[in-house]
Amino acid sequence: MGKGRFITGLMLGTLIGGTLGVLLAPEKGEENREKLKEKGKEIGNKIYDSYSEIKDSVKEYKENKSSEIHTMPKEIVISSDDIKEKVKENIEKEDIEG
């Protein structure tokens, strides 16, 4: 199970549990509505915080992978230059020996 699904399930469970708890509580309607309003705000804040954390994680992952991708062509060029040099050395060596 991914982190995103877990957080979604956690938020949904919190929302359902909070709603049922308020609705089944033996209090006046006005008090229940106020509690539902507060719970809604709490859950909204938790969802926003979770979203922000996931967004930051994705951004960090993207930046890390982006820097890896940018260094790869340099490494490939260096490797191809090394290969060219080795081939050139072997050809020259063959010419001298052969």
C-alpha atoms as a PDB file:
ATOM      1  CA  MET A   1       0.000   0.000   0.000  1.00  0.00           C
ATOM      2  CA  GLY A   2       1.422   3.373  -0.999  1.00  0.00           C
ATOM      3  CA  LYS A   3       1.868   6.305   1.322  1.00  0.00           C
ATOM      4  CA  GLY A   4      -0.790   8.281  -0.559  1.00  0.00           C
ATOM      5  CA  ARG A   5      -3.407   5.559  -0.189  1.00  0.00           C
ATOM      6  CA  PHE A   6      -2.644   5.189   3.496  1.00  0.00           C
ATOM      7  CA  ILE A   7      -3.050   8.913   4.106  1.00  0.00           C
ATOM      8  CA  THR A   8      -6.270   8.965   2.081  1.00  0.00           C
ATOM      9  CA  GLY A   9      -7.648   6.054   4.108  1.00  0.00           C
ATOM     10  CA  LEU A  10      -6.592   7.682   7.339  1.00  0.00           C
ATOM     11  CA  MET A  11      -8.289  10.947   6.432  1.00  0.00           C
ATOM     12  CA  LEU A  12     -11.449   9.195   5.282  1.00  0.00           C
ATOM     13  CA  GLY A  13     -11.565   7.120   8.469  1.00  0.00           C
ATOM     14  CA  THR A  14     -11.086  10.220  10.574  1.00  0.00           C
ATOM     15  CA  LEU A  15     -13.857  12.029   8.723  1.00  0.00           C
ATOM     16  CA  ILE A  16     -16.315   9.151   9.045  1.00  0.00           C
ATOM     17  CA  GLY A  17     -15.437   8.468  12.678  1.00  0.00           C
ATOM     18  CA  GLY A  18     -15.665  12.117  13.661  1.00  0.00           C
ATOM     19  CA  THR A  19     -18.976  12.571  11.879  1.00  0.00           C
ATOM     20  CA  LEU A  20     -20.522   9.484  13.468  1.00  0.00           C
ATOM     21  CA  GLY A  21     -19.217  10.434  16.871  1.00  0.00           C
ATOM     22  CA  VAL A  22     -20.768  13.877  16.683  1.00  0.00           C
ATOM     23  CA  LEU A  23     -24.058  12.647  15.242  1.00  0.00           C
ATOM     24  CA  LEU A  24     -24.469   9.928  17.849  1.00  0.00           C
ATOM     25  CA  ALA A  25     -23.533  12.167  20.776  1.00  0.00           C
ATOM     26  CA  PRO A  26     -26.427  13.127  23.072  1.00  0.00           C
ATOM     27  CA  GLU A  27     -26.178  16.884  22.527  1.00  0.00           C
ATOM     28  CA  LYS A  28     -28.286  19.635  20.975  1.00  0.00           C
ATOM     29  CA  GLY A  29     -28.325  20.144  17.203  1.00  0.00           C
ATOM     30  CA  GLU A  30     -26.558  23.500  17.413  1.00  0.00           C
ATOM     31  CA  GLU A  31     -23.710  21.975  19.435  1.00  0.00           C
ATOM     32  CA  ASN A  32     -23.437  19.074  16.982  1.00  0.00           C
ATOM     33  CA  ARG A  33     -23.276  21.424  13.999  1.00  0.00           C
ATOM     34  CA  GLU A  34     -20.542  23.449  15.674  1.00  0.00           C
ATOM     35  CA  LYS A  35     -18.561  20.298  16.426  1.00  0.00           C
ATOM     36  CA  LEU A  36     -18.991  19.085  12.832  1.00  0.00           C
ATOM     37  CA  LYS A  37     -17.768  22.457  11.601  1.00  0.00           C
ATOM     38  CA  GLU A  38     -14.676  22.277  13.824  1.00  0.00           C
ATOM     39  CA  LYS A  39     -13.976  18.658  12.838  1.00  0.00           C
ATOM     40  CA  GLY A  40     -14.307  19.648   9.191  1.00  0.00           C
ATOM     41  CA  LYS A  41     -11.730  22.393   9.668  1.00  0.00           C
ATOM     42  CA  GLU A  42      -9.376  19.987  11.469  1.00  0.00           C
ATOM     43  CA  ILE A  43      -9.674  17.398   8.736  1.00  0.00           C
ATOM     44  CA  GLY A  44      -9.223  20.048   6.044  1.00  0.00           C
ATOM     45  CA  ASN A  45      -6.016  21.194   7.737  1.00  0.00           C
ATOM     46  CA  LYS A  46      -4.743  17.617   8.027  1.00  0.00           C
ATOM     47  CA  ILE A  47      -5.479  16.964   4.362  1.00  0.00           C
ATOM     48  CA  TYR A  48      -3.711  20.187   3.367  1.00  0.00           C
ATOM     49  CA  ASP A  49      -0.683  19.288   5.516  1.00  0.00           C
ATOM     50  CA  SER A  50      -0.554  15.779   4.046  1.00  0.00           C
ATOM     51  CA  TYR A  51      -0.876  17.184   0.533  1.00  0.00           C
ATOM     52  CA  SER A  52       1.948  19.637   1.226  1.00  0.00           C
ATOM     53  CA  GLU A  53       4.203  16.849   2.522  1.00  0.00           C
ATOM     54  CA  ILE A  54       3.516  14.667  -0.515  1.00  0.00           C
ATOM     55  CA  LYS A  55       4.019  17.615  -2.861  1.00  0.00           C
ATOM     56  CA  ASP A  56       7.376  18.414  -1.231  1.00  0.00           C
ATOM     57  CA  SER A  57       8.443  14.760  -1.416  1.00  0.00           C
ATOM     58  CA  VAL A  58       7.585  14.584  -5.115  1.00  0.00           C
ATOM     59  CA  LYS A  59       9.411  17.853  -5.771  1.00  0.00           C
ATOM     60  CA  GLU A  60      12.520  16.614  -3.942  1.00  0.00           C
ATOM     61  CA  TYR A  61      12.418  13.279  -5.793  1.00  0.00           C
ATOM     62  CA  LYS A  62      12.058  15.076  -9.125  1.00  0.00           C
ATOM     63  CA  GLU A  63      14.992  17.386  -8.354  1.00  0.00           C
ATOM     64  CA  ASN A  64      17.201  14.440  -7.353  1.00  0.00           C
ATOM     65  CA  LYS A  65      16.346  12.471 -10.479  1.00  0.00           C
ATOM     66  CA  SER A  66      16.715  15.572 -12.645  1.00  0.00           C
ATOM     67  CA  SER A  67      20.267  16.166 -11.399  1.00  0.00           C
ATOM     68  CA  GLU A  68      21.108  12.506 -12.013  1.00  0.00           C
ATOM     69  CA  ILE A  69      19.810  12.743 -15.575  1.00  0.00           C
ATOM     70  CA  HIS A  70      21.815  15.914 -16.254  1.00  0.00           C
ATOM     71  CA  THR A  71      25.079  14.273 -15.167  1.00  0.00           C
ATOM     72  CA  MET A  72      24.516  11.140 -17.253  1.00  0.00           C
ATOM     73  CA  PRO A  73      25.297  12.689 -20.678  1.00  0.00           C
ATOM     74  CA  LYS A  74      28.617  13.996 -19.314  1.00  0.00           C
ATOM     75  CA  GLU A  75      29.486  10.528 -18.074  1.00  0.00           C
ATOM     76  CA  ILE A  76      28.508   9.021 -21.413  1.00  0.00           C
ATOM     77  CA  VAL A  77      30.703  11.520 -23.291  1.00  0.00           C
ATOM     78  CA  ILE A  78      33.621  10.772 -20.977  1.00  0.00           C
ATOM     79  CA  SER A  79      33.094   7.038 -21.470  1.00  0.00           C
ATOM     80  CA  SER A  80      32.868   7.386 -25.245  1.00  0.00           C
ATOM     81  CA  ASP A  81      36.018   9.549 -25.271  1.00  0.00           C
ATOM     82  CA  ASP A  82      37.810   6.860 -23.242  1.00  0.00           C
ATOM     83  CA  ILE A  83      36.663   4.203 -25.677  1.00  0.00           C
ATOM     84  CA  LYS A  84      37.821   6.268 -28.663  1.00  0.00           C
ATOM     85  CA  GLU A  85      41.216   6.766 -27.033  1.00  0.00           C
ATOM     86  CA  LYS A  86      41.587   3.041 -26.298  1.00  0.00           C
ATOM     87  CA  VAL A  87      40.631   2.142 -29.869  1.00  0.00           C
ATOM     88  CA  LYS A  88      43.091   4.708 -31.212  1.00  0.00           C
ATOM     89  CA  GLU A  89      45.853   3.335 -28.951  1.00  0.00           C
ATOM     90  CA  ASN A  90      45.128  -0.225 -30.089  1.00  0.00           C
ATOM     91  CA  ILE A  91      45.184   0.794 -33.754  1.00  0.00           C
ATOM     92  CA  GLU A  92      48.480   2.615 -33.291  1.00  0.00           C
ATOM     93  CA  LYS A  93      49.843  -0.360 -31.374  1.00  0.00           C
ATOM     94  CA  GLU A  94      48.731  -2.670 -34.203  1.00  0.00           C
ATOM     95  CA  ASP A  95      50.399  -0.425 -36.779  1.00  0.00           C
ATOM     96  CA  ILE A  96      53.671  -0.464 -34.837  1.00  0.00           C
ATOM     97  CA  GLU A  97      53.640  -4.229 -34.215  1.00  0.00           C
ATOM     98  CA  GLY A  98      52.075  -5.274 -37.493  1.00  0.00           C
END
